[in-house]
Amino acid sequence: AASLALGGTLVAAATSLPGETLYPVKTATDEVQLVLTLQEAPRARLKARLAEARLEEMVALTRRDIEEEEGMLPQAASLESQDEAEPPSAAAAPESLDQRAPSLRPATKKANELPQPRAVKEITPAKQKQNERLIRRLEESEQQLAHHLATLESLAASLQGKEKSLQAKRLKSQLEQRLGPKLAELEEAVAKTPLPAREQAQKILEASKAHYQKALRTLEE
């Protein structure tokens, strides 16, 4: 029974994201895999796969935040429409004024045509907390991505002779095919991230792209 429970926990942890309860189980399992992988070439390939997993988590976190924001839009629009609705008595007042003072009609009309300044929407504490949680999770994923790519660089540098050339070429191809598109997906998701989290998410994206380019340069040497 204990083994079945452990197996179920590991399966559930496999799909967890940073900040969730089972995520530490997921990263601990990754580390165990690395410890048990002794040969340098398979270890390097495992590092590349783990780096891809961290990037997938970043994309998933960003998209989930966008979906949560879009889910809140109908409710926010309903509240705004209620705030902007005018009471019936207010609509009758200008008509009564125009009847008593016709000379004021042109001035009143021009004043009504002037664009009204839009109220600045305040960020609610709940929304602020959501933004902070997203950024914290993205930062965690970015740090782990950097860690895996840095280890991949050191592993590639430790390969010797013909094996180094072949393995480095294979790893470079794997990174370009898997991480390249994932970075493009993340960039698209970050562009849709609600403000003010977008600016910080963009910085995390740029850091991730820098780690990726550095890993590619190392594998080309």
N, C-alpha and C. Protein backbone atom coordinates (compact mmCIF):
# COMPACT_ATOMS: atom_id res chain seq x y z
N ALA A 1 0.82 -1.20 0.00
CA ALA A 1 0.00 0.00 0.00
C ALA A 1 0.86 1.25 0.00
N ALA A 2 1.95 1.20 0.75
CA ALA A 2 2.84 2.37 0.82
C ALA A 2 3.47 2.63 -0.54
N SER A 3 3.86 1.55 -1.24
CA SER A 3 4.48 1.73 -2.55
C SER A 3 3.48 2.29 -3.55
N LEU A 4 2.21 1.86 -3.45
CA LEU A 4 1.19 2.39 -4.34
C LEU A 4 0.95 3.87 -4.07
N ALA A 5 0.94 4.26 -2.81
CA ALA A 5 0.76 5.67 -2.46
C ALA A 5 1.91 6.51 -2.96
N LEU A 6 3.15 5.98 -2.83
CA LEU A 6 4.32 6.70 -3.31
C LEU A 6 4.27 6.85 -4.81
N GLY A 7 3.86 5.75 -5.48
CA GLY A 7 3.77 5.82 -6.94
C GLY A 7 2.74 6.84 -7.39
N GLY A 8 1.60 6.90 -6.70
CA GLY A 8 0.59 7.89 -7.04
C GLY A 8 1.07 9.30 -6.81
N THR A 9 1.85 9.50 -5.75
CA THR A 9 2.40 10.83 -5.48
C THR A 9 3.37 11.26 -6.57
N LEU A 10 4.21 10.34 -7.01
CA LEU A 10 5.18 10.66 -8.06
C LEU A 10 4.49 10.99 -9.38
N VAL A 11 3.43 10.24 -9.68
CA VAL A 11 2.69 10.50 -10.92
C VAL A 11 2.04 11.89 -10.87
N ALA A 12 1.43 12.21 -9.72
CA ALA A 12 0.80 13.52 -9.56
C ALA A 12 1.83 14.64 -9.60
N ALA A 13 3.01 14.40 -9.02
CA ALA A 13 4.05 15.42 -8.98
C ALA A 13 4.61 15.71 -10.36
N ALA A 14 4.53 14.74 -11.26
CA ALA A 14 5.11 14.91 -12.59
C ALA A 14 4.48 16.06 -13.36
N THR A 15 3.21 16.37 -13.07
CA THR A 15 2.52 17.44 -13.77
C THR A 15 2.40 18.72 -12.93
N SER A 16 3.06 18.74 -11.77
CA SER A 16 2.95 19.92 -10.91
C SER A 16 3.79 21.07 -11.45
N LEU A 17 3.47 22.27 -10.97
CA LEU A 17 4.15 23.49 -11.39
C LEU A 17 4.76 24.18 -10.18
N PRO A 18 5.74 25.07 -10.38
CA PRO A 18 6.35 25.78 -9.27
C PRO A 18 5.30 26.46 -8.39
N GLY A 19 5.49 26.33 -7.08
CA GLY A 19 4.55 26.92 -6.13
C GLY A 19 3.50 25.96 -5.65
N GLU A 20 3.32 24.83 -6.35
CA GLU A 20 2.33 23.84 -5.93
C GLU A 20 2.93 22.87 -4.94
N THR A 21 2.07 22.19 -4.19
CA THR A 21 2.51 21.36 -3.06
C THR A 21 3.48 20.26 -3.49
N LEU A 22 3.21 19.60 -4.62
CA LEU A 22 4.01 18.45 -5.03
C LEU A 22 5.22 18.82 -5.90
N TYR A 23 5.41 20.09 -6.17
CA TYR A 23 6.53 20.46 -7.04
C TYR A 23 7.89 20.08 -6.46
N PRO A 24 8.14 20.26 -5.15
CA PRO A 24 9.43 19.80 -4.60
C PRO A 24 9.67 18.31 -4.81
N VAL A 25 8.59 17.50 -4.81
CA VAL A 25 8.73 16.07 -5.09
C VAL A 25 9.23 15.88 -6.52
N LYS A 26 8.70 16.67 -7.42
CA LYS A 26 9.10 16.58 -8.83
C LYS A 26 10.58 16.91 -9.01
N THR A 27 11.04 18.00 -8.43
CA THR A 27 12.44 18.39 -8.58
C THR A 27 13.37 17.42 -7.87
N ALA A 28 12.93 16.87 -6.73
CA ALA A 28 13.74 15.88 -6.03
C ALA A 28 13.89 14.61 -6.87
N THR A 29 12.82 14.23 -7.57
CA THR A 29 12.89 13.06 -8.46
C THR A 29 13.88 13.31 -9.59
N ASP A 30 13.88 14.54 -10.11
CA ASP A 30 14.84 14.90 -11.17
C ASP A 30 16.28 14.74 -10.67
N GLU A 31 16.52 15.20 -9.45
CA GLU A 31 17.87 15.11 -8.90
C GLU A 31 18.29 13.66 -8.68
N VAL A 32 17.36 12.82 -8.26
CA VAL A 32 17.66 11.39 -8.09
C VAL A 32 18.04 10.77 -9.42
N GLN A 33 17.32 11.13 -10.47
CA GLN A 33 17.65 10.63 -11.80
C GLN A 33 19.06 11.02 -12.20
N LEU A 34 19.45 12.24 -11.89
CA LEU A 34 20.79 12.71 -12.24
C LEU A 34 21.86 11.95 -11.46
N VAL A 35 21.59 11.70 -10.19
CA VAL A 35 22.55 10.97 -9.37
C VAL A 35 22.75 9.56 -9.89
N LEU A 36 21.67 8.94 -10.34
CA LEU A 36 21.73 7.56 -10.83
C LEU A 36 22.26 7.45 -12.25
N THR A 37 22.35 8.58 -12.95
CA THR A 37 22.89 8.58 -14.32
C THR A 37 24.37 8.93 -14.24
N LEU A 38 25.22 7.94 -14.32
CA LEU A 38 26.65 8.13 -14.08
C LEU A 38 27.43 8.50 -15.33
N GLN A 39 27.06 7.95 -16.47
CA GLN A 39 27.81 8.24 -17.69
C GLN A 39 27.54 9.67 -18.15
N GLU A 40 28.58 10.31 -18.65
CA GLU A 40 28.50 11.74 -18.96
C GLU A 40 27.52 12.03 -20.10
N ALA A 41 27.55 11.25 -21.16
CA ALA A 41 26.70 11.54 -22.31
C ALA A 41 25.21 11.40 -21.97
N PRO A 42 24.76 10.27 -21.37
CA PRO A 42 23.36 10.20 -20.97
C PRO A 42 22.97 11.26 -19.94
N ARG A 43 23.91 11.60 -19.07
CA ARG A 43 23.64 12.63 -18.07
C ARG A 43 23.41 13.98 -18.74
N ALA A 44 24.19 14.27 -19.77
CA ALA A 44 24.01 15.53 -20.50
C ALA A 44 22.66 15.56 -21.20
N ARG A 45 22.27 14.43 -21.79
CA ARG A 45 20.97 14.38 -22.46
C ARG A 45 19.83 14.56 -21.45
N LEU A 46 19.99 13.99 -20.26
CA LEU A 46 18.98 14.15 -19.22
C LEU A 46 18.88 15.61 -18.80
N LYS A 47 20.01 16.28 -18.68
CA LYS A 47 20.01 17.69 -18.33
C LYS A 47 19.27 18.51 -19.38
N ALA A 48 19.47 18.17 -20.64
CA ALA A 48 18.77 18.88 -21.71
C ALA A 48 17.26 18.69 -21.60
N ARG A 49 16.83 17.47 -21.27
CA ARG A 49 15.39 17.21 -21.12
C ARG A 49 14.82 17.96 -19.91
N LEU A 50 15.59 18.02 -18.83
CA LEU A 50 15.12 18.74 -17.65
C LEU A 50 15.03 20.24 -17.91
N ALA A 51 15.97 20.76 -18.69
CA ALA A 51 15.91 22.17 -19.06
C ALA A 51 14.66 22.45 -19.88
N GLU A 52 14.33 21.52 -20.77
CA GLU A 52 13.10 21.66 -21.56
C GLU A 52 11.87 21.65 -20.65
N ALA A 53 11.88 20.78 -19.63
CA ALA A 53 10.75 20.70 -18.69
C ALA A 53 10.58 22.00 -17.92
N ARG A 54 11.70 22.63 -17.51
CA ARG A 54 11.59 23.89 -16.78
C ARG A 54 11.01 24.98 -17.67
N LEU A 55 11.38 24.97 -18.94
CA LEU A 55 10.85 25.97 -19.86
C LEU A 55 9.36 25.74 -20.12
N GLU A 56 8.96 24.49 -20.21
CA GLU A 56 7.54 24.18 -20.36
C GLU A 56 6.73 24.67 -19.16
N GLU A 57 7.32 24.57 -17.98
CA GLU A 57 6.64 25.06 -16.78
C GLU A 57 6.44 26.57 -16.84
N MET A 58 7.43 27.28 -17.34
CA MET A 58 7.32 28.73 -17.45
C MET A 58 6.19 29.11 -18.40
N VAL A 59 6.09 28.40 -19.52
CA VAL A 59 5.02 28.66 -20.47
C VAL A 59 3.66 28.37 -19.83
N ALA A 60 3.56 27.24 -19.12
CA ALA A 60 2.30 26.86 -18.49
C ALA A 60 1.87 27.86 -17.43
N LEU A 61 2.82 28.34 -16.63
CA LEU A 61 2.50 29.32 -15.59
C LEU A 61 1.97 30.61 -16.19
N THR A 62 2.64 31.07 -17.24
CA THR A 62 2.23 32.33 -17.86
C THR A 62 0.86 32.21 -18.50
N ARG A 63 0.63 31.11 -19.20
CA ARG A 63 -0.67 30.92 -19.85
C ARG A 63 -1.79 30.77 -18.83
N ARG A 64 -1.51 30.10 -17.73
CA ARG A 64 -2.53 29.95 -16.71
C ARG A 64 -2.92 31.30 -16.12
N ASP A 65 -1.95 32.17 -15.93
CA ASP A 65 -2.25 33.50 -15.40
C ASP A 65 -3.11 34.28 -16.39
N ILE A 66 -2.81 34.13 -17.69
CA ILE A 66 -3.61 34.81 -18.71
C ILE A 66 -5.05 34.30 -18.69
N GLU A 67 -5.22 32.98 -18.58
CA GLU A 67 -6.56 32.40 -18.54
C GLU A 67 -7.33 32.87 -17.31
N GLU A 68 -6.65 32.97 -16.17
CA GLU A 68 -7.31 33.46 -14.96
C GLU A 68 -7.74 34.91 -15.13
N GLU A 69 -6.88 35.70 -15.79
CA GLU A 69 -7.21 37.11 -16.02
C GLU A 69 -8.41 37.23 -16.96
N GLU A 70 -8.42 36.43 -18.03
CA GLU A 70 -9.54 36.47 -18.97
C GLU A 70 -10.83 36.02 -18.31
N GLY A 71 -10.74 35.10 -17.36
CA GLY A 71 -11.93 34.66 -16.65
C GLY A 71 -12.50 35.74 -15.75
N MET A 72 -11.66 36.68 -15.34
CA MET A 72 -12.11 37.77 -14.48
C MET A 72 -12.68 38.94 -15.27
N LEU A 73 -12.41 38.99 -16.60
CA LEU A 73 -12.83 40.13 -17.40
C LEU A 73 -14.34 40.32 -17.45
N PRO A 74 -15.16 39.27 -17.69
CA PRO A 74 -16.62 39.49 -17.74
C PRO A 74 -17.17 40.08 -16.45
N GLN A 75 -16.68 39.62 -15.31
CA GLN A 75 -17.15 40.14 -14.03
C GLN A 75 -16.75 41.60 -13.87
N ALA A 76 -15.51 41.92 -14.27
CA ALA A 76 -15.05 43.31 -14.16
C ALA A 76 -15.85 44.23 -15.08
N ALA A 77 -16.15 43.75 -16.30
CA ALA A 77 -16.92 44.55 -17.25
C ALA A 77 -18.33 44.81 -16.73
N SER A 78 -18.92 43.81 -16.07
CA SER A 78 -20.26 43.97 -15.50
C SER A 78 -20.27 45.02 -14.41
N LEU A 79 -19.25 45.00 -13.56
CA LEU A 79 -19.16 45.99 -12.48
C LEU A 79 -18.97 47.39 -13.04
N GLU A 80 -18.16 47.51 -14.10
CA GLU A 80 -17.92 48.82 -14.70
C GLU A 80 -19.19 49.37 -15.32
N SER A 81 -19.96 48.51 -15.99
CA SER A 81 -21.19 48.97 -16.62
C SER A 81 -22.19 49.44 -15.59
N GLN A 82 -22.21 48.80 -14.43
CA GLN A 82 -23.10 49.23 -13.36
C GLN A 82 -22.69 50.59 -12.81
N ASP A 83 -21.35 50.79 -12.71
CA ASP A 83 -20.87 52.07 -12.20
C ASP A 83 -21.15 53.22 -13.15
N GLU A 84 -21.10 52.92 -14.47
CA GLU A 84 -21.27 53.96 -15.47
C GLU A 84 -22.74 54.27 -15.75
N ALA A 85 -23.68 53.42 -15.33
CA ALA A 85 -25.10 53.64 -15.59
C ALA A 85 -25.58 54.89 -14.85
N GLU A 86 -26.38 55.75 -15.56
CA GLU A 86 -26.87 56.98 -14.96
C GLU A 86 -28.26 56.76 -14.38
N PRO A 87 -28.58 57.36 -13.24
CA PRO A 87 -29.95 57.27 -12.69
C PRO A 87 -30.92 58.02 -13.57
N PRO A 88 -32.21 57.59 -13.62
CA PRO A 88 -33.20 58.24 -14.48
C PRO A 88 -33.36 59.73 -14.19
N SER A 89 -33.27 60.14 -12.95
CA SER A 89 -33.47 61.54 -12.61
C SER A 89 -32.40 62.43 -13.21
N ALA A 90 -31.18 61.90 -13.38
CA ALA A 90 -30.10 62.70 -13.95
C ALA A 90 -30.35 63.00 -15.40
N ALA A 91 -30.99 62.08 -16.13
CA ALA A 91 -31.24 62.29 -17.55
C ALA A 91 -32.28 63.37 -17.77
N ALA A 92 -33.22 63.56 -16.84
CA ALA A 92 -34.28 64.54 -17.03
C ALA A 92 -33.83 65.95 -16.70
N ALA A 93 -32.80 66.13 -15.92
CA ALA A 93 -32.37 67.45 -15.48
C ALA A 93 -31.94 68.35 -16.62
N PRO A 94 -31.08 67.93 -17.58
CA PRO A 94 -30.67 68.83 -18.66
C PRO A 94 -31.85 69.31 -19.49
N GLU A 95 -32.88 68.44 -19.72
CA GLU A 95 -34.02 68.82 -20.53
C GLU A 95 -34.79 69.96 -19.86
N SER A 96 -34.99 69.85 -18.57
CA SER A 96 -35.70 70.90 -17.84
C SER A 96 -34.94 72.21 -17.89
N LEU A 97 -33.61 72.15 -17.82
CA LEU A 97 -32.77 73.35 -17.87
C LEU A 97 -32.84 74.00 -19.23
N ASP A 98 -32.84 73.21 -20.30
CA ASP A 98 -32.90 73.75 -21.65
C ASP A 98 -34.23 74.45 -21.91
N GLN A 99 -35.32 73.94 -21.37
CA GLN A 99 -36.62 74.56 -21.57
C GLN A 99 -36.68 75.94 -20.94
N ARG A 100 -36.06 76.13 -19.81
CA ARG A 100 -36.11 77.41 -19.12
C ARG A 100 -35.09 78.41 -19.66
N ALA A 101 -33.96 77.89 -20.21
CA ALA A 101 -32.89 78.78 -20.71
C ALA A 101 -32.38 78.27 -22.04
N PRO A 102 -33.08 78.57 -23.15
CA PRO A 102 -32.65 78.08 -24.47
C PRO A 102 -31.26 78.56 -24.87
N SER A 103 -30.86 79.74 -24.40
CA SER A 103 -29.55 80.27 -24.79
C SER A 103 -28.40 79.42 -24.30
N LEU A 104 -28.65 78.54 -23.32
CA LEU A 104 -27.58 77.71 -22.77
C LEU A 104 -27.41 76.40 -23.53
N ARG A 105 -28.30 76.10 -24.48
CA ARG A 105 -28.26 74.81 -25.16
C ARG A 105 -26.94 74.54 -25.90
N PRO A 106 -26.45 75.50 -26.74
CA PRO A 106 -25.18 75.21 -27.47
C PRO A 106 -24.02 74.97 -26.52
N ALA A 107 -23.91 75.79 -25.48
CA ALA A 107 -22.79 75.62 -24.55
C ALA A 107 -22.89 74.29 -23.83
N THR A 108 -24.12 73.92 -23.45
CA THR A 108 -24.31 72.66 -22.76
C THR A 108 -23.95 71.49 -23.66
N LYS A 109 -24.33 71.57 -24.92
CA LYS A 109 -24.03 70.49 -25.86
C LYS A 109 -22.54 70.34 -26.06
N LYS A 110 -21.82 71.46 -26.22
CA LYS A 110 -20.38 71.38 -26.42
C LYS A 110 -19.67 70.81 -25.19
N ALA A 111 -20.16 71.21 -24.04
CA ALA A 111 -19.54 70.70 -22.81
C ALA A 111 -19.73 69.20 -22.69
N ASN A 112 -20.92 68.72 -23.13
CA ASN A 112 -21.18 67.28 -23.05
C ASN A 112 -20.36 66.50 -24.05
N GLU A 113 -19.95 67.16 -25.16
CA GLU A 113 -19.18 66.47 -26.19
C GLU A 113 -17.71 66.33 -25.83
N LEU A 114 -17.26 67.07 -24.84
CA LEU A 114 -15.85 66.99 -24.45
C LEU A 114 -15.55 65.60 -23.91
N PRO A 115 -14.38 65.02 -24.30
CA PRO A 115 -14.03 63.69 -23.78
C PRO A 115 -13.81 63.72 -22.29
N GLN A 116 -14.39 62.76 -21.62
CA GLN A 116 -14.26 62.67 -20.17
C GLN A 116 -13.03 61.82 -19.81
N PRO A 117 -12.23 62.27 -18.87
CA PRO A 117 -11.05 61.47 -18.46
C PRO A 117 -11.48 60.15 -17.86
N ARG A 118 -10.80 59.09 -18.26
CA ARG A 118 -11.11 57.76 -17.75
C ARG A 118 -10.44 57.54 -16.40
N ALA A 119 -11.17 56.96 -15.52
CA ALA A 119 -10.63 56.70 -14.19
C ALA A 119 -9.56 55.61 -14.26
N VAL A 120 -8.48 55.81 -13.54
CA VAL A 120 -7.40 54.83 -13.50
C VAL A 120 -7.84 53.64 -12.64
N LYS A 121 -7.78 52.46 -13.23
CA LYS A 121 -8.19 51.27 -12.49
C LYS A 121 -7.15 50.90 -11.44
N GLU A 122 -7.60 50.72 -10.25
CA GLU A 122 -6.70 50.35 -9.17
C GLU A 122 -6.50 48.83 -9.16
N ILE A 123 -5.31 48.42 -8.81
CA ILE A 123 -5.00 47.00 -8.70
C ILE A 123 -5.46 46.52 -7.33
N THR A 124 -6.35 45.57 -7.33
CA THR A 124 -6.86 45.06 -6.07
C THR A 124 -5.78 44.25 -5.36
N PRO A 125 -5.85 44.13 -4.04
CA PRO A 125 -4.88 43.31 -3.31
C PRO A 125 -4.82 41.88 -3.82
N ALA A 126 -5.97 41.32 -4.20
CA ALA A 126 -5.99 39.95 -4.70
C ALA A 126 -5.23 39.84 -6.02
N LYS A 127 -5.43 40.84 -6.91
CA LYS A 127 -4.73 40.83 -8.19
C LYS A 127 -3.24 41.04 -8.00
N GLN A 128 -2.87 41.93 -7.08
CA GLN A 128 -1.47 42.16 -6.79
C GLN A 128 -0.81 40.89 -6.29
N LYS A 129 -1.50 40.17 -5.42
CA LYS A 129 -0.97 38.92 -4.90
C LYS A 129 -0.81 37.89 -6.01
N GLN A 130 -1.77 37.86 -6.93
CA GLN A 130 -1.70 36.94 -8.06
C GLN A 130 -0.49 37.25 -8.94
N ASN A 131 -0.25 38.55 -9.21
CA ASN A 131 0.90 38.94 -10.01
C ASN A 131 2.21 38.55 -9.34
N GLU A 132 2.28 38.79 -8.04
CA GLU A 132 3.50 38.45 -7.30
C GLU A 132 3.74 36.95 -7.31
N ARG A 133 2.66 36.17 -7.20
CA ARG A 133 2.80 34.71 -7.22
C ARG A 133 3.30 34.23 -8.58
N LEU A 134 2.78 34.81 -9.65
CA LEU A 134 3.22 34.44 -11.00
C LEU A 134 4.70 34.73 -11.19
N ILE A 135 5.13 35.93 -10.80
CA ILE A 135 6.52 36.32 -10.97
C ILE A 135 7.44 35.42 -10.14
N ARG A 136 7.02 35.11 -8.94
CA ARG A 136 7.84 34.24 -8.08
C ARG A 136 8.01 32.86 -8.71
N ARG A 137 6.95 32.34 -9.29
CA ARG A 137 7.02 31.02 -9.92
C ARG A 137 7.88 31.06 -11.19
N LEU A 138 7.73 32.12 -11.97
CA LEU A 138 8.55 32.24 -13.18
C LEU A 138 10.03 32.37 -12.82
N GLU A 139 10.33 33.11 -11.77
CA GLU A 139 11.71 33.26 -11.33
C GLU A 139 12.29 31.92 -10.89
N GLU A 140 11.48 31.14 -10.20
CA GLU A 140 11.94 29.82 -9.74
C GLU A 140 12.24 28.91 -10.93
N SER A 141 11.35 28.90 -11.91
CA SER A 141 11.57 28.08 -13.10
C SER A 141 12.79 28.56 -13.88
N GLU A 142 12.95 29.88 -13.97
CA GLU A 142 14.08 30.43 -14.71
C GLU A 142 15.41 30.07 -14.04
N GLN A 143 15.44 30.10 -12.72
CA GLN A 143 16.66 29.74 -12.00
C GLN A 143 17.01 28.27 -12.20
N GLN A 144 16.00 27.42 -12.20
CA GLN A 144 16.27 26.00 -12.43
C GLN A 144 16.68 25.74 -13.87
N LEU A 145 16.08 26.47 -14.80
CA LEU A 145 16.50 26.35 -16.20
C LEU A 145 17.96 26.74 -16.35
N ALA A 146 18.35 27.85 -15.72
CA ALA A 146 19.74 28.29 -15.77
C ALA A 146 20.67 27.25 -15.16
N HIS A 147 20.23 26.65 -14.05
CA HIS A 147 21.04 25.64 -13.38
C HIS A 147 21.27 24.43 -14.29
N HIS A 148 20.20 23.95 -14.92
CA HIS A 148 20.32 22.78 -15.79
C HIS A 148 21.18 23.08 -17.03
N LEU A 149 21.01 24.25 -17.59
CA LEU A 149 21.82 24.60 -18.77
C LEU A 149 23.28 24.79 -18.41
N ALA A 150 23.54 25.35 -17.23
CA ALA A 150 24.93 25.52 -16.79
C ALA A 150 25.59 24.16 -16.58
N THR A 151 24.85 23.23 -15.98
CA THR A 151 25.38 21.88 -15.79
C THR A 151 25.59 21.20 -17.13
N LEU A 152 24.68 21.44 -18.05
CA LEU A 152 24.83 20.88 -19.40
C LEU A 152 26.10 21.40 -20.07
N GLU A 153 26.40 22.68 -19.89
CA GLU A 153 27.62 23.25 -20.45
C GLU A 153 28.86 22.57 -19.88
N SER A 154 28.88 22.38 -18.57
CA SER A 154 30.04 21.75 -17.94
C SER A 154 30.19 20.30 -18.37
N LEU A 155 29.07 19.61 -18.54
CA LEU A 155 29.12 18.22 -19.00
C LEU A 155 29.63 18.15 -20.44
N ALA A 156 29.17 19.07 -21.27
CA ALA A 156 29.65 19.09 -22.66
C ALA A 156 31.15 19.37 -22.72
N ALA A 157 31.60 20.24 -21.84
CA ALA A 157 33.04 20.57 -21.82
C ALA A 157 33.88 19.40 -21.32
N SER A 158 33.28 18.49 -20.53
CA SER A 158 34.04 17.37 -19.98
C SER A 158 34.17 16.20 -20.96
N LEU A 159 33.35 16.20 -22.02
CA LEU A 159 33.46 15.14 -23.02
C LEU A 159 34.79 15.25 -23.76
N GLN A 160 35.33 14.13 -24.17
CA GLN A 160 36.66 14.10 -24.77
C GLN A 160 36.61 13.57 -26.20
N GLY A 161 37.53 14.11 -27.02
CA GLY A 161 37.78 13.56 -28.36
C GLY A 161 36.57 13.56 -29.27
N LYS A 162 36.46 12.49 -30.04
CA LYS A 162 35.39 12.35 -31.03
C LYS A 162 34.04 12.32 -30.34
N GLU A 163 33.98 11.72 -29.15
CA GLU A 163 32.73 11.64 -28.42
C GLU A 163 32.20 13.03 -28.10
N LYS A 164 33.10 13.95 -27.76
CA LYS A 164 32.69 15.31 -27.45
C LYS A 164 32.03 15.97 -28.64
N SER A 165 32.63 15.84 -29.81
CA SER A 165 32.08 16.47 -31.01
C SER A 165 30.70 15.92 -31.36
N LEU A 166 30.55 14.59 -31.30
CA LEU A 166 29.28 13.97 -31.66
C LEU A 166 28.18 14.31 -30.64
N GLN A 167 28.53 14.20 -29.36
CA GLN A 167 27.53 14.47 -28.32
C GLN A 167 27.14 15.95 -28.29
N ALA A 168 28.12 16.83 -28.47
CA ALA A 168 27.82 18.27 -28.47
C ALA A 168 26.91 18.62 -29.63
N LYS A 169 27.17 18.03 -30.78
CA LYS A 169 26.32 18.28 -31.95
C LYS A 169 24.90 17.78 -31.70
N ARG A 170 24.78 16.60 -31.08
CA ARG A 170 23.46 16.03 -30.79
C ARG A 170 22.71 16.89 -29.76
N LEU A 171 23.41 17.32 -28.72
CA LEU A 171 22.78 18.14 -27.69
C LEU A 171 22.35 19.50 -28.24
N LYS A 172 23.18 20.08 -29.10
CA LYS A 172 22.83 21.37 -29.70
C LYS A 172 21.57 21.24 -30.55
N SER A 173 21.50 20.15 -31.33
CA SER A 173 20.31 19.93 -32.14
C SER A 173 19.07 19.74 -31.27
N GLN A 174 19.24 19.02 -30.16
CA GLN A 174 18.12 18.79 -29.25
C GLN A 174 17.63 20.09 -28.64
N LEU A 175 18.56 20.95 -28.23
CA LEU A 175 18.17 22.23 -27.65
C LEU A 175 17.46 23.10 -28.66
N GLU A 176 17.97 23.16 -29.88
CA GLU A 176 17.36 24.00 -30.90
C GLU A 176 15.96 23.53 -31.27
N GLN A 177 15.78 22.21 -31.33
CA GLN A 177 14.49 21.67 -31.74
C GLN A 177 13.44 21.77 -30.63
N ARG A 178 13.85 21.66 -29.37
CA ARG A 178 12.90 21.62 -28.27
C ARG A 178 12.79 22.93 -27.51
N LEU A 179 13.94 23.49 -27.12
CA LEU A 179 13.88 24.72 -26.34
C LEU A 179 13.59 25.94 -27.19
N GLY A 180 14.06 25.94 -28.44
CA GLY A 180 13.80 27.09 -29.32
C GLY A 180 12.32 27.39 -29.46
N PRO A 181 11.50 26.40 -29.88
CA PRO A 181 10.05 26.65 -29.98
C PRO A 181 9.40 27.00 -28.64
N LYS A 182 9.90 26.39 -27.55
CA LYS A 182 9.33 26.68 -26.23
C LYS A 182 9.59 28.14 -25.84
N LEU A 183 10.76 28.64 -26.18
CA LEU A 183 11.04 30.04 -25.89
C LEU A 183 10.13 30.96 -26.71
N ALA A 184 9.85 30.56 -27.96
CA ALA A 184 8.93 31.35 -28.79
C ALA A 184 7.52 31.34 -28.19
N GLU A 185 7.09 30.20 -27.67
CA GLU A 185 5.78 30.11 -27.01
C GLU A 185 5.74 30.98 -25.77
N LEU A 186 6.82 30.95 -25.01
CA LEU A 186 6.88 31.75 -23.79
C LEU A 186 6.84 33.24 -24.13
N GLU A 187 7.55 33.62 -25.19
CA GLU A 187 7.56 35.03 -25.60
C GLU A 187 6.15 35.48 -25.99
N GLU A 188 5.42 34.62 -26.69
CA GLU A 188 4.05 34.94 -27.07
C GLU A 188 3.15 35.06 -25.84
N ALA A 189 3.34 34.15 -24.88
CA ALA A 189 2.52 34.19 -23.68
C ALA A 189 2.83 35.42 -22.83
N VAL A 190 4.11 35.78 -22.74
CA VAL A 190 4.50 36.96 -21.95
C VAL A 190 3.90 38.22 -22.54
N ALA A 191 3.81 38.28 -23.88
CA ALA A 191 3.24 39.46 -24.53
C ALA A 191 1.77 39.65 -24.15
N LYS A 192 1.09 38.57 -23.76
CA LYS A 192 -0.32 38.65 -23.37
C LYS A 192 -0.50 38.73 -21.86
N THR A 193 0.59 38.70 -21.12
CA THR A 193 0.50 38.74 -19.66
C THR A 193 -0.05 40.09 -19.20
N PRO A 194 -1.01 40.10 -18.30
CA PRO A 194 -1.59 41.37 -17.83
C PRO A 194 -0.53 42.23 -17.13
N LEU A 195 -0.69 43.53 -17.27
CA LEU A 195 0.16 44.46 -16.54
C LEU A 195 -0.25 44.43 -15.09
N PRO A 196 0.66 44.75 -14.14
CA PRO A 196 2.05 45.14 -14.33
C PRO A 196 3.02 43.96 -14.30
N ALA A 197 2.51 42.73 -14.30
CA ALA A 197 3.39 41.57 -14.23
C ALA A 197 4.19 41.39 -15.52
N ARG A 198 3.72 41.99 -16.63
CA ARG A 198 4.34 41.76 -17.93
C ARG A 198 5.80 42.22 -17.98
N GLU A 199 6.07 43.38 -17.39
CA GLU A 199 7.44 43.91 -17.45
C GLU A 199 8.43 42.97 -16.77
N GLN A 200 8.08 42.48 -15.59
CA GLN A 200 8.97 41.57 -14.87
C GLN A 200 9.06 40.23 -15.59
N ALA A 201 7.94 39.76 -16.15
CA ALA A 201 7.96 38.51 -16.91
C ALA A 201 8.85 38.63 -18.13
N GLN A 202 8.88 39.80 -18.74
CA GLN A 202 9.73 40.03 -19.91
C GLN A 202 11.21 39.94 -19.52
N LYS A 203 11.55 40.44 -18.35
CA LYS A 203 12.94 40.35 -17.88
C LYS A 203 13.34 38.89 -17.66
N ILE A 204 12.42 38.12 -17.10
CA ILE A 204 12.71 36.70 -16.88
C ILE A 204 12.88 35.99 -18.21
N LEU A 205 12.04 36.33 -19.18
CA LEU A 205 12.16 35.75 -20.52
C LEU A 205 13.52 36.06 -21.14
N GLU A 206 13.95 37.31 -21.04
CA GLU A 206 15.24 37.70 -21.61
C GLU A 206 16.38 36.95 -20.94
N ALA A 207 16.29 36.76 -19.63
CA ALA A 207 17.33 35.99 -18.91
C ALA A 207 17.36 34.55 -19.40
N SER A 208 16.19 33.96 -19.61
CA SER A 208 16.12 32.58 -20.09
C SER A 208 16.71 32.46 -21.49
N LYS A 209 16.43 33.43 -22.34
CA LYS A 209 16.98 33.42 -23.71
C LYS A 209 18.50 33.56 -23.67
N ALA A 210 19.01 34.35 -22.72
CA ALA A 210 20.46 34.51 -22.59
C ALA A 210 21.11 33.20 -22.17
N HIS A 211 20.49 32.48 -21.22
CA HIS A 211 21.02 31.18 -20.80
C HIS A 211 21.03 30.20 -21.98
N TYR A 212 19.97 30.23 -22.75
CA TYR A 212 19.83 29.33 -23.90
C TYR A 212 20.92 29.61 -24.94
N GLN A 213 21.12 30.89 -25.28
CA GLN A 213 22.14 31.25 -26.27
C GLN A 213 23.54 30.89 -25.78
N LYS A 214 23.78 31.07 -24.48
CA LYS A 214 25.09 30.73 -23.93
C LYS A 214 25.35 29.23 -24.03
N ALA A 215 24.31 28.42 -23.75
CA ALA A 215 24.46 26.97 -23.85
C ALA A 215 24.76 26.56 -25.28
N LEU A 216 24.09 27.19 -26.25
CA LEU A 216 24.34 26.87 -27.65
C LEU A 216 25.77 27.21 -28.04
N ARG A 217 26.25 28.37 -27.59
CA ARG A 217 27.63 28.76 -27.92
C ARG A 217 28.64 27.78 -27.33
N THR A 218 28.38 27.31 -26.12
CA THR A 218 29.28 26.34 -25.50
C THR A 218 29.33 25.04 -26.30
N LEU A 219 28.18 24.60 -26.78
CA LEU A 219 28.13 23.35 -27.55
C LEU A 219 28.73 23.50 -28.94
N GLU A 220 28.87 24.73 -29.42
CA GLU A 220 29.49 24.95 -30.73
C GLU A 220 30.99 24.97 -30.66
N GLU A 221 31.55 25.17 -29.48
CA GLU A 221 33.01 25.30 -29.33
C GLU A 221 33.72 23.96 -29.49
